[in-house]
C-alpha atoms as a PDB file:
ATOM      1  CA  MET A   1      50.893 208.641 107.166  1.00  0.00           C
ATOM      2  CA  LYS A   2      49.765 207.459 111.062  1.00  0.00           C
ATOM      3  CA  THR A   3      45.942 208.640 110.802  1.00  0.00           C
ATOM      4  CA  ALA A   4      46.057 206.537 107.394  1.00  0.00           C
ATOM      5  CA  SER A   5      47.627 203.269 108.552  1.00  0.00           C
ATOM      6  CA  ILE A   6      45.729 204.011 111.721  1.00  0.00           C
ATOM      7  CA  THR A   7      42.217 203.347 109.421  1.00  0.00           C
ATOM      8  CA  ARG A   8      43.669 200.714 107.022  1.00  0.00           C
ATOM      9  CA  PHE A   9      44.179 198.539 110.811  1.00  0.00           C
ATOM     10  CA  LEU A  10      41.413 199.336 111.569  1.00  0.00           C
ATOM     11  CA  SER A  11      39.196 198.316 107.972  1.00  0.00           C
ATOM     12  CA  PHE A  12      41.461 195.515 108.368  1.00  0.00           C
ATOM     13  CA  VAL A  13      40.664 194.594 111.317  1.00  0.00           C
ATOM     14  CA  LEU A  14      36.866 195.023 110.580  1.00  0.00           C
ATOM     15  CA  ALA A  15      36.930 193.013 107.413  1.00  0.00           C
ATOM     16  CA  PHE A  16      38.918 189.724 109.046  1.00  0.00           C
ATOM     17  CA  ALA A  17      35.979 189.907 112.562  1.00  0.00           C
ATOM     18  CA  VAL A  18      32.558 190.035 109.827  1.00  0.00           C
ATOM     19  CA  PHE A  19      34.617 186.687 108.016  1.00  0.00           C
ATOM     20  CA  CYS A  20      35.128 185.115 111.177  1.00  0.00           C
ATOM     21  CA  SER A  21      31.607 185.930 112.070  1.00  0.00           C
ATOM     22  CA  CYS A  22      30.156 185.172 108.058  1.00  0.00           C
ATOM     23  CA  SER A  23      32.238 182.144 108.524  1.00  0.00           C
ATOM     24  CA  ALA A  24      31.210 181.200 112.406  1.00  0.00           C
ATOM     25  CA  TYR A  25      27.127 181.579 111.499  1.00  0.00           C
ATOM     26  CA  ALA A  26      27.827 179.612 107.587  1.00  0.00           C
ATOM     27  CA  HIS A  27      29.056 176.825 110.143  1.00  0.00           C
ATOM     28  CA  ALA A  28      26.143 177.308 112.771  1.00  0.00           C
ATOM     29  CA  GLU A  29      23.687 176.515 109.651  1.00  0.00           C
ATOM     30  CA  GLU A  30      25.028 173.753 108.062  1.00  0.00           C
ATOM     31  CA  LYS A  31      24.654 172.089 111.019  1.00  0.00           C
ATOM     32  CA  LYS A  32      21.537 172.735 111.522  1.00  0.00           C
ATOM     33  CA  ASP A  33      20.665 171.647 107.983  1.00  0.00           C
ATOM     34  CA  LYS A  34      22.491 168.318 109.085  1.00  0.00           C
ATOM     35  CA  GLN A  35      20.176 167.823 112.435  1.00  0.00           C
ATOM     36  CA  LYS A  36      16.774 169.195 110.140  1.00  0.00           C
ATOM     37  CA  ILE A  37      17.072 166.305 107.414  1.00  0.00           C
ATOM     38  CA  ILE A  38      18.683 163.601 110.264  1.00  0.00           C
ATOM     39  CA  GLU A  39      15.333 164.264 112.270  1.00  0.00           C
ATOM     40  CA  GLU A  40      13.272 164.923 108.989  1.00  0.00           C
ATOM     41  CA  MET A  41      14.449 161.402 107.896  1.00  0.00           C
ATOM     42  CA  VAL A  42      13.903 160.076 111.055  1.00  0.00           C
ATOM     43  CA  VAL A  43      10.384 161.748 111.778  1.00  0.00           C
ATOM     44  CA  ASP A  44       9.763 159.935 107.568  1.00  0.00           C
ATOM     45  CA  TYR A  45      10.527 156.239 108.453  1.00  0.00           C
ATOM     46  CA  GLY A  46       9.176 156.446 112.789  1.00  0.00           C
ATOM     47  CA  SER A  47       6.481 158.034 110.735  1.00  0.00           C
ATOM     48  CA  TYR A  48       5.008 155.885 107.852  1.00  0.00           C
ATOM     49  CA  GLY A  49       7.810 153.045 107.718  1.00  0.00           C
ATOM     50  CA  GLU A  50       8.768 151.879 103.992  1.00  0.00           C
ATOM     51  CA  GLU A  51       6.133 153.969 102.017  1.00  0.00           C
ATOM     52  CA  ALA A  52       8.750 156.271 103.019  1.00  0.00           C
ATOM     53  CA  GLU A  53      12.124 154.392 101.867  1.00  0.00           C
ATOM     54  CA  GLU A  54      12.097 157.117  98.592  1.00  0.00           C
ATOM     55  CA  ARG A  55      12.184 159.619 101.505  1.00  0.00           C
ATOM     56  CA  VAL A  56      14.728 158.306 103.638  1.00  0.00           C
ATOM     57  CA  TRP A  57      16.513 157.763 100.565  1.00  0.00           C
ATOM     58  CA  ASP A  58      16.826 161.328  99.205  1.00  0.00           C
ATOM     59  CA  LEU A  59      17.094 162.713 102.810  1.00  0.00           C
ATOM     60  CA  LEU A  60      20.463 160.861 102.744  1.00  0.00           C
ATOM     61  CA  LYS A  61      22.317 162.181  99.286  1.00  0.00           C
ATOM     62  CA  GLU A  62      21.036 166.113 100.712  1.00  0.00           C
ATOM     63  CA  LEU A  63      22.977 164.691 103.551  1.00  0.00           C
ATOM     64  CA  ARG A  64      25.934 163.159 101.840  1.00  0.00           C
ATOM     65  CA  LYS A  65      26.282 167.547 100.319  1.00  0.00           C
ATOM     66  CA  LEU A  66      27.125 168.886 103.693  1.00  0.00           C
ATOM     67  CA  ASP A  67      28.596 166.160 105.855  1.00  0.00           C
ATOM     68  CA  ALA A  68      29.927 162.581 103.730  1.00  0.00           C
ATOM     69  CA  ASP A  69      30.827 160.924 107.188  1.00  0.00           C
ATOM     70  CA  ALA A  70      27.110 161.529 109.010  1.00  0.00           C
ATOM     71  CA  ALA A  71      25.731 160.480 106.154  1.00  0.00           C
ATOM     72  CA  ASP A  72      27.206 157.527 106.069  1.00  0.00           C
ATOM     73  CA  ARG A  73      26.836 157.132 109.357  1.00  0.00           C
ATOM     74  CA  TRP A  74      23.169 157.836 109.506  1.00  0.00           C
ATOM     75  CA  GLU A  75      22.629 155.301 106.791  1.00  0.00           C
ATOM     76  CA  SER A  76      24.114 152.000 108.326  1.00  0.00           C
ATOM     77  CA  ILE A  77      21.838 153.257 110.938  1.00  0.00           C
ATOM     78  CA  MET A  78      18.852 153.659 109.695  1.00  0.00           C
ATOM     79  CA  ALA A  79      20.402 149.937 107.628  1.00  0.00           C
ATOM     80  CA  LEU A  80      19.939 148.728 111.923  1.00  0.00           C
ATOM     81  CA  TRP A  81      16.582 150.383 112.228  1.00  0.00           C
ATOM     82  CA  ARG A  82      14.713 148.404 109.433  1.00  0.00           C
ATOM     83  CA  ARG A  83      16.711 144.870 110.734  1.00  0.00           C
ATOM     84  CA  ALA A  84      16.020 145.702 114.143  1.00  0.00           C
ATOM     85  CA  ASN A  85      11.718 146.072 113.910  1.00  0.00           C
ATOM     86  CA  THR A  86      12.120 143.625 111.041  1.00  0.00           C
ATOM     87  CA  ALA A  87      14.852 140.523 111.007  1.00  0.00           C
ATOM     88  CA  LEU A  88      15.636 140.179 114.492  1.00  0.00           C
ATOM     89  CA  THR A  89      15.134 136.749 116.343  1.00  0.00           C
ATOM     90  CA  LEU A  90      13.600 136.719 119.694  1.00  0.00           C
ATOM     91  CA  HIS A  91      15.512 135.040 122.244  1.00  0.00           C
ATOM     92  CA  GLU A  92      13.291 133.600 125.461  1.00  0.00           C
ATOM     93  CA  GLY A  93      14.730 132.933 129.036  1.00  0.00           C
ATOM     94  CA  VAL A  94      18.367 132.886 128.338  1.00  0.00           C
ATOM     95  CA  LEU A  95      21.348 134.168 125.727  1.00  0.00           C
ATOM     96  CA  PRO A  96      21.412 130.868 123.086  1.00  0.00           C
ATOM     97  CA  ASP A  97      24.630 129.867 122.940  1.00  0.00           C
ATOM     98  CA  GLY A  98      28.028 130.577 120.407  1.00  0.00           C
ATOM     99  CA  LEU A  99      28.458 133.791 122.487  1.00  0.00           C
ATOM    100  CA  PRO A 100      31.986 134.751 124.046  1.00  0.00           C
ATOM    101  CA  ASP A 101      32.401 133.032 127.107  1.00  0.00           C
ATOM    102  CA  THR A 102      34.831 135.900 128.800  1.00  0.00           C
ATOM    103  CA  ASP A 103      34.810 139.516 129.566  1.00  0.00           C
ATOM    104  CA  GLU A 104      34.561 141.198 126.863  1.00  0.00           C
ATOM    105  CA  LEU A 105      30.844 140.234 127.202  1.00  0.00           C
ATOM    106  CA  CYS A 106      28.611 142.023 128.754  1.00  0.00           C
ATOM    107  CA  ILE A 107      24.668 141.753 128.879  1.00  0.00           C
ATOM    108  CA  VAL A 108      23.073 145.216 129.169  1.00  0.00           C
ATOM    109  CA  VAL A 109      19.798 144.749 131.451  1.00  0.00           C
ATOM    110  CA  LEU A 110      17.411 147.843 131.232  1.00  0.00           C
ATOM    111  CA  GLY A 111      15.788 148.898 133.858  1.00  0.00           C
ATOM    112  CA  PHE A 112      11.383 149.584 134.618  1.00  0.00           C
ATOM    113  CA  GLN A 113      10.243 152.383 136.816  1.00  0.00           C
ATOM    114  CA  LEU A 114      10.278 151.259 140.120  1.00  0.00           C
ATOM    115  CA  ASN A 115       6.937 151.163 143.089  1.00  0.00           C
ATOM    116  CA  PRO A 116       6.955 154.602 144.265  1.00  0.00           C
ATOM    117  CA  ASP A 117       8.277 153.314 147.204  1.00  0.00           C
ATOM    118  CA  GLY A 118      11.430 152.053 144.817  1.00  0.00           C
ATOM    119  CA  THR A 119      10.698 148.296 144.968  1.00  0.00           C
ATOM    120  CA  MET A 120      10.964 146.632 142.016  1.00  0.00           C
ATOM    121  CA  ARG A 121       7.448 146.225 140.023  1.00  0.00           C
ATOM    122  CA  ASP A 122       6.836 142.494 138.652  1.00  0.00           C
ATOM    123  CA  GLU A 123       7.852 143.239 134.688  1.00  0.00           C
ATOM    124  CA  LEU A 124      11.820 144.553 136.413  1.00  0.00           C
ATOM    125  CA  LEU A 125      11.582 141.296 138.567  1.00  0.00           C
ATOM    126  CA  GLU A 126      10.879 138.842 134.857  1.00  0.00           C
ATOM    127  CA  ARG A 127      14.066 140.940 133.648  1.00  0.00           C
ATOM    128  CA  LEU A 128      16.331 139.766 135.947  1.00  0.00           C
ATOM    129  CA  GLN A 129      15.620 136.171 136.202  1.00  0.00           C
ATOM    130  CA  THR A 130      16.435 136.348 132.465  1.00  0.00           C
ATOM    131  CA  ALA A 131      19.531 137.786 133.099  1.00  0.00           C
ATOM    132  CA  LYS A 132      20.481 135.850 135.679  1.00  0.00           C
ATOM    133  CA  ARG A 133      19.944 132.961 134.125  1.00  0.00           C
ATOM    134  CA  SER A 134      22.289 134.927 131.121  1.00  0.00           C
ATOM    135  CA  ALA A 135      24.551 135.556 133.508  1.00  0.00           C
ATOM    136  CA  GLU A 136      24.662 131.622 134.402  1.00  0.00           C
ATOM    137  CA  LYS A 137      25.344 130.629 131.098  1.00  0.00           C
ATOM    138  CA  TYR A 138      28.222 133.035 130.455  1.00  0.00           C
ATOM    139  CA  PRO A 139      29.500 132.970 134.157  1.00  0.00           C
ATOM    140  CA  ASN A 140      32.823 135.638 132.096  1.00  0.00           C
ATOM    141  CA  ALA A 141      30.858 138.318 130.994  1.00  0.00           C
ATOM    142  CA  MET A 142      29.872 141.688 132.827  1.00  0.00           C
ATOM    143  CA  ILE A 143      26.978 142.559 134.120  1.00  0.00           C
ATOM    144  CA  VAL A 144      25.578 146.150 133.868  1.00  0.00           C
ATOM    145  CA  CYS A 145      22.444 147.396 135.539  1.00  0.00           C
ATOM    146  CA  THR A 146      20.616 150.539 133.669  1.00  0.00           C
ATOM    147  CA  GLY A 147      17.679 152.842 134.984  1.00  0.00           C
ATOM    148  CA  GLY A 148      18.149 155.945 137.324  1.00  0.00           C
ATOM    149  CA  GLY A 149      15.717 157.262 140.001  1.00  0.00           C
ATOM    150  CA  THR A 150      11.754 156.826 138.981  1.00  0.00           C
ATOM    151  CA  ALA A 151      10.453 156.017 142.931  1.00  0.00           C
ATOM    152  CA  SER A 152       7.490 158.858 143.182  1.00  0.00           C
ATOM    153  CA  GLU A 153       8.348 158.661 147.128  1.00  0.00           C
ATOM    154  CA  ASN A 154      11.672 157.275 147.096  1.00  0.00           C
ATOM    155  CA  GLU A 155      14.391 159.883 146.349  1.00  0.00           C
ATOM    156  CA  PHE A 156      17.538 156.882 147.338  1.00  0.00           C
ATOM    157  CA  ALA A 157      16.100 154.317 145.215  1.00  0.00           C
ATOM    158  CA  THR A 158      17.296 153.255 141.505  1.00  0.00           C
ATOM    159  CA  GLU A 159      16.128 151.458 139.600  1.00  0.00           C
ATOM    160  CA  ALA A 160      19.995 150.249 138.575  1.00  0.00           C
ATOM    161  CA  GLY A 161      20.737 149.940 142.446  1.00  0.00           C
ATOM    162  CA  GLU A 162      17.531 147.824 142.924  1.00  0.00           C
ATOM    163  CA  MET A 163      18.145 145.498 139.740  1.00  0.00           C
ATOM    164  CA  ALA A 164      22.424 145.211 141.310  1.00  0.00           C
ATOM    165  CA  LYS A 165      21.097 144.000 144.632  1.00  0.00           C
ATOM    166  CA  TRP A 166      18.961 141.493 144.070  1.00  0.00           C
ATOM    167  CA  LEU A 167      21.421 139.583 141.683  1.00  0.00           C
ATOM    168  CA  ILE A 168      23.905 139.892 143.980  1.00  0.00           C
ATOM    169  CA  GLU A 169      21.283 138.769 146.619  1.00  0.00           C
ATOM    170  CA  ASN A 170      21.131 135.808 143.803  1.00  0.00           C
ATOM    171  CA  GLY A 171      24.430 134.269 143.610  1.00  0.00           C
ATOM    172  CA  ILE A 172      26.142 135.978 141.094  1.00  0.00           C
ATOM    173  CA  ALA A 173      29.522 138.104 141.801  1.00  0.00           C
ATOM    174  CA  PRO A 174      28.958 141.653 143.375  1.00  0.00           C
ATOM    175  CA  GLU A 175      32.836 142.196 141.236  1.00  0.00           C
ATOM    176  CA  ARG A 176      30.817 141.375 137.624  1.00  0.00           C
ATOM    177  CA  ILE A 177      28.571 144.235 137.997  1.00  0.00           C
ATOM    178  CA  ILE A 178      27.889 146.923 136.952  1.00  0.00           C
ATOM    179  CA  VAL A 179      25.805 150.088 137.457  1.00  0.00           C
ATOM    180  CA  GLU A 180      24.838 153.497 135.997  1.00  0.00           C
ATOM    181  CA  ASP A 181      22.292 155.183 138.159  1.00  0.00           C
ATOM    182  CA  LYS A 182      20.824 158.589 136.058  1.00  0.00           C
ATOM    183  CA  SER A 183      19.887 157.364 133.047  1.00  0.00           C
ATOM    184  CA  LEU A 184      15.946 158.248 132.883  1.00  0.00           C
ATOM    185  CA  THR A 185      15.428 157.412 129.507  1.00  0.00           C
ATOM    186  CA  THR A 186      17.211 153.937 127.209  1.00  0.00           C
ATOM    187  CA  ALA A 187      18.354 157.104 124.737  1.00  0.00           C
ATOM    188  CA  GLN A 188      20.559 157.773 127.890  1.00  0.00           C
ATOM    189  CA  ASN A 189      21.080 153.816 129.602  1.00  0.00           C
ATOM    190  CA  THR A 190      22.780 153.414 126.353  1.00  0.00           C
ATOM    191  CA  VAL A 191      24.940 156.894 126.251  1.00  0.00           C
ATOM    192  CA  PHE A 192      25.796 156.846 129.589  1.00  0.00           C
ATOM    193  CA  THR A 193      25.993 152.380 129.635  1.00  0.00           C
ATOM    194  CA  LEU A 194      28.497 153.011 127.558  1.00  0.00           C
ATOM    195  CA  ASN A 195      30.501 155.887 128.936  1.00  0.00           C
ATOM    196  CA  ILE A 196      31.107 154.125 131.371  1.00  0.00           C
ATOM    197  CA  LEU A 197      32.300 150.337 129.230  1.00  0.00           C
ATOM    198  CA  GLU A 198      34.406 153.406 127.072  1.00  0.00           C
ATOM    199  CA  GLU A 199      36.231 154.667 130.362  1.00  0.00           C
ATOM    200  CA  ASN A 200      36.846 151.936 132.882  1.00  0.00           C
ATOM    201  CA  TYR A 201      35.645 148.297 130.821  1.00  0.00           C
ATOM    202  CA  PRO A 202      37.408 148.633 127.263  1.00  0.00           C
ATOM    203  CA  GLN A 203      37.316 144.600 126.880  1.00  0.00           C
ATOM    204  CA  VAL A 204      33.806 144.930 126.032  1.00  0.00           C
ATOM    205  CA  LYS A 205      33.151 144.444 122.789  1.00  0.00           C
ATOM    206  CA  SER A 206      29.812 142.768 122.330  1.00  0.00           C
ATOM    207  CA  LEU A 207      26.815 143.648 124.118  1.00  0.00           C
ATOM    208  CA  ALA A 208      24.166 141.150 124.555  1.00  0.00           C
ATOM    209  CA  ILE A 209      20.039 143.419 125.431  1.00  0.00           C
ATOM    210  CA  VAL A 210      18.122 142.010 127.958  1.00  0.00           C
ATOM    211  CA  SER A 211      14.325 143.740 128.252  1.00  0.00           C
ATOM    212  CA  SER A 212      11.714 143.142 128.357  1.00  0.00           C
ATOM    213  CA  ASP A 213      10.344 141.584 124.761  1.00  0.00           C
ATOM    214  CA  TYR A 214       8.417 144.604 123.121  1.00  0.00           C
ATOM    215  CA  HIS A 215      12.012 146.375 124.697  1.00  0.00           C
ATOM    216  CA  ILE A 216      14.848 144.400 122.791  1.00  0.00           C
ATOM    217  CA  ALA A 217      13.874 145.748 119.381  1.00  0.00           C
ATOM    218  CA  THR A 218      14.465 149.401 121.138  1.00  0.00           C
ATOM    219  CA  GLY A 219      17.457 148.655 122.382  1.00  0.00           C
ATOM    220  CA  THR A 220      19.373 146.628 120.384  1.00  0.00           C
ATOM    221  CA  LEU A 221      18.663 150.485 117.618  1.00  0.00           C
ATOM    222  CA  LEU A 222      19.812 151.814 120.398  1.00  0.00           C
ATOM    223  CA  PHE A 223      23.150 150.667 122.118  1.00  0.00           C
ATOM    224  CA  GLY A 224      23.371 149.533 118.310  1.00  0.00           C
ATOM    225  CA  ALA A 225      23.185 153.754 117.219  1.00  0.00           C
ATOM    226  CA  GLU A 226      25.003 155.092 119.514  1.00  0.00           C
ATOM    227  CA  ALA A 227      28.445 152.535 118.854  1.00  0.00           C
ATOM    228  CA  ILE A 228      28.192 154.001 115.487  1.00  0.00           C
ATOM    229  CA  LEU A 229      27.804 157.889 115.743  1.00  0.00           C
ATOM    230  CA  ARG A 230      30.866 157.205 118.691  1.00  0.00           C
ATOM    231  CA  SER A 231      32.832 155.118 116.123  1.00  0.00           C
ATOM    232  CA  ALA A 232      35.934 156.239 114.094  1.00  0.00           C
ATOM    233  CA  LYS A 233      34.386 155.086 111.350  1.00  0.00           C
ATOM    234  CA  ALA A 234      30.995 154.343 111.102  1.00  0.00           C
ATOM    235  CA  ASP A 235      31.976 150.496 108.994  1.00  0.00           C
ATOM    236  CA  SER A 236      33.943 149.883 112.566  1.00  0.00           C
ATOM    237  CA  GLN A 237      32.142 150.124 115.585  1.00  0.00           C
ATOM    238  CA  ASP A 238      34.248 149.630 119.259  1.00  0.00           C
ATOM    239  CA  THR A 239      31.475 148.073 120.370  1.00  0.00           C
ATOM    240  CA  ARG A 240      28.265 145.781 119.192  1.00  0.00           C
ATOM    241  CA  VAL A 241      25.399 143.838 119.766  1.00  0.00           C
ATOM    242  CA  VAL A 242      25.532 141.038 119.516  1.00  0.00           C
ATOM    243  CA  SER A 243      22.766 139.109 121.362  1.00  0.00           C
ATOM    244  CA  SER A 244      19.214 139.609 123.329  1.00  0.00           C
ATOM    245  CA  ALA A 245      17.172 137.802 125.759  1.00  0.00           C
ATOM    246  CA  ALA A 246      13.596 138.961 126.735  1.00  0.00           C
ATOM    247  CA  TRP A 247      11.158 137.862 128.805  1.00  0.00           C
ATOM    248  CA  ARG A 248       7.831 137.925 127.403  1.00  0.00           C
ATOM    249  CA  ALA A 249       5.832 140.107 128.442  1.00  0.00           C
ATOM    250  CA  PRO A 250       1.907 139.741 128.477  1.00  0.00           C
ATOM    251  CA  SER A 251       1.502 143.389 127.326  1.00  0.00           C
ATOM    252  CA  GLY A 252       3.262 146.896 125.961  1.00  0.00           C
ATOM    253  CA  SER A 253       4.512 148.151 122.782  1.00  0.00           C
ATOM    254  CA  LEU A 254       6.777 150.588 121.570  1.00  0.00           C
ATOM    255  CA  SER A 255       5.853 152.582 118.552  1.00  0.00           C
ATOM    256  CA  THR A 256       8.597 152.591 115.753  1.00  0.00           C
ATOM    257  CA  MET A 257       7.664 156.833 116.227  1.00  0.00           C
ATOM    258  CA  PHE A 258       8.552 156.440 120.147  1.00  0.00           C
ATOM    259  CA  GLN A 259      12.116 154.912 118.265  1.00  0.00           C
ATOM    260  CA  ALA A 260      12.490 157.789 115.877  1.00  0.00           C
ATOM    261  CA  GLY A 261      12.432 160.091 119.228  1.00  0.00           C
ATOM    262  CA  ALA A 262      15.045 158.404 120.584  1.00  0.00           C
ATOM    263  CA  LEU A 263      17.036 158.364 118.017  1.00  0.00           C
ATOM    264  CA  ILE A 264      16.609 162.361 117.877  1.00  0.00           C
ATOM    265  CA  GLU A 265      18.391 161.982 121.615  1.00  0.00           C
ATOM    266  CA  LEU A 266      20.651 160.057 120.185  1.00  0.00           C
ATOM    267  CA  SER A 267      21.590 163.225 117.339  1.00  0.00           C
ATOM    268  CA  GLY A 268      21.487 165.635 120.324  1.00  0.00           C
ATOM    269  CA  ASP A 269      18.134 167.330 119.867  1.00  0.00           C
ATOM    270  CA  GLU A 270      16.099 166.194 123.848  1.00  0.00           C
ATOM    271  CA  ARG A 271      13.793 168.697 123.595  1.00  0.00           C
ATOM    272  CA  THR A 272      12.211 167.141 120.654  1.00  0.00           C
ATOM    273  CA  ALA A 273      13.111 164.392 121.856  1.00  0.00           C
ATOM    274  CA  TYR A 274      10.363 164.753 124.481  1.00  0.00           C
ATOM    275  CA  LYS A 275       7.911 166.428 122.066  1.00  0.00           C
ATOM    276  CA  ILE A 276       7.490 162.506 120.647  1.00  0.00           C
ATOM    277  CA  TYR A 277       7.321 160.314 123.582  1.00  0.00           C
ATOM    278  CA  PHE A 278       4.845 162.416 124.911  1.00  0.00           C
ATOM    279  CA  ASP A 279       2.834 162.773 121.904  1.00  0.00           C
ATOM    280  CA  THR A 280       2.841 166.435 121.044  1.00  0.00           C
ATOM    281  CA  TYR A 281       4.949 166.813 118.056  1.00  0.00           C
ATOM    282  CA  ASP A 282       3.637 167.246 114.853  1.00  0.00           C
ATOM    283  CA  ILE A 283       4.291 165.165 111.803  1.00  0.00           C
ATOM    284  CA  HIS A 284       1.786 167.208 109.967  1.00  0.00           C
ATOM    285  CA  ASP A 285       4.375 169.869 109.291  1.00  0.00           C
ATOM    286  CA  LEU A 286       6.865 166.968 107.359  1.00  0.00           C
ATOM    287  CA  PRO A 287       6.096 167.944 103.850  1.00  0.00           C
ATOM    288  CA  PRO A 288       3.609 165.108 102.161  1.00  0.00           C
ATOM    289  CA  LEU A 289       4.916 161.552 101.135  1.00  0.00           C
ATOM    290  CA  LYS A 290       5.785 161.890  96.533  1.00  0.00           C
END
């Protein structure tokens, strides 16, 4: 009897282990499938734009079968992406009228690569002039300076740190300024900034993006997308991008494929994102459009 009982017990343990292993494998496969669908959808749209609309809808349907909540969020993100690139009003030089004149508003100043010695390039200084005018127009708004160490010959300088110093030297009260100095990509700007705001400035509900004109759509898209991804419900973000102000740069552009890479970075796949940033991702692996 004892031998039979032990045999039955071991059989049960083995069966339970196999069940758990299969369940974990199935969960991992489902997660992998969701990520694959999201990335294919984003890369399709980044590559082909409106020509990929039918494919995007088909992929959203596939995603909905696996995770309805994820499908709702990515449907909202895809809609935001279209609006950011086709229907965004560009305000030059200063934020427009009508924004909240309280600390509910936060002006997010996106950084730009520093000179090798750690000094700021002219483009970043122009963005700061726009930020300063906007901060003076909305004297109760908080201001986030965002950007990490990009000076090849000065390990102590960061984009955000230099920006904050300039704003203070030019009359902006230091208690209004928040420094996010760890990020190296716009996607990281987004994640790290929202982490700081959620943890330390919960009153902030409205964001206004300040950057160069060609960067505004990308900044608006990424901050909006990250807010959707981290919200309790897909249709009720705690924080929203409500406006922007731009310096009109004489040159510069960011493609929809670059935006696709940034969205993939937000989704958690940095490796694929960097392939796209450095133009080593082969879009020919995608199925042909119908």
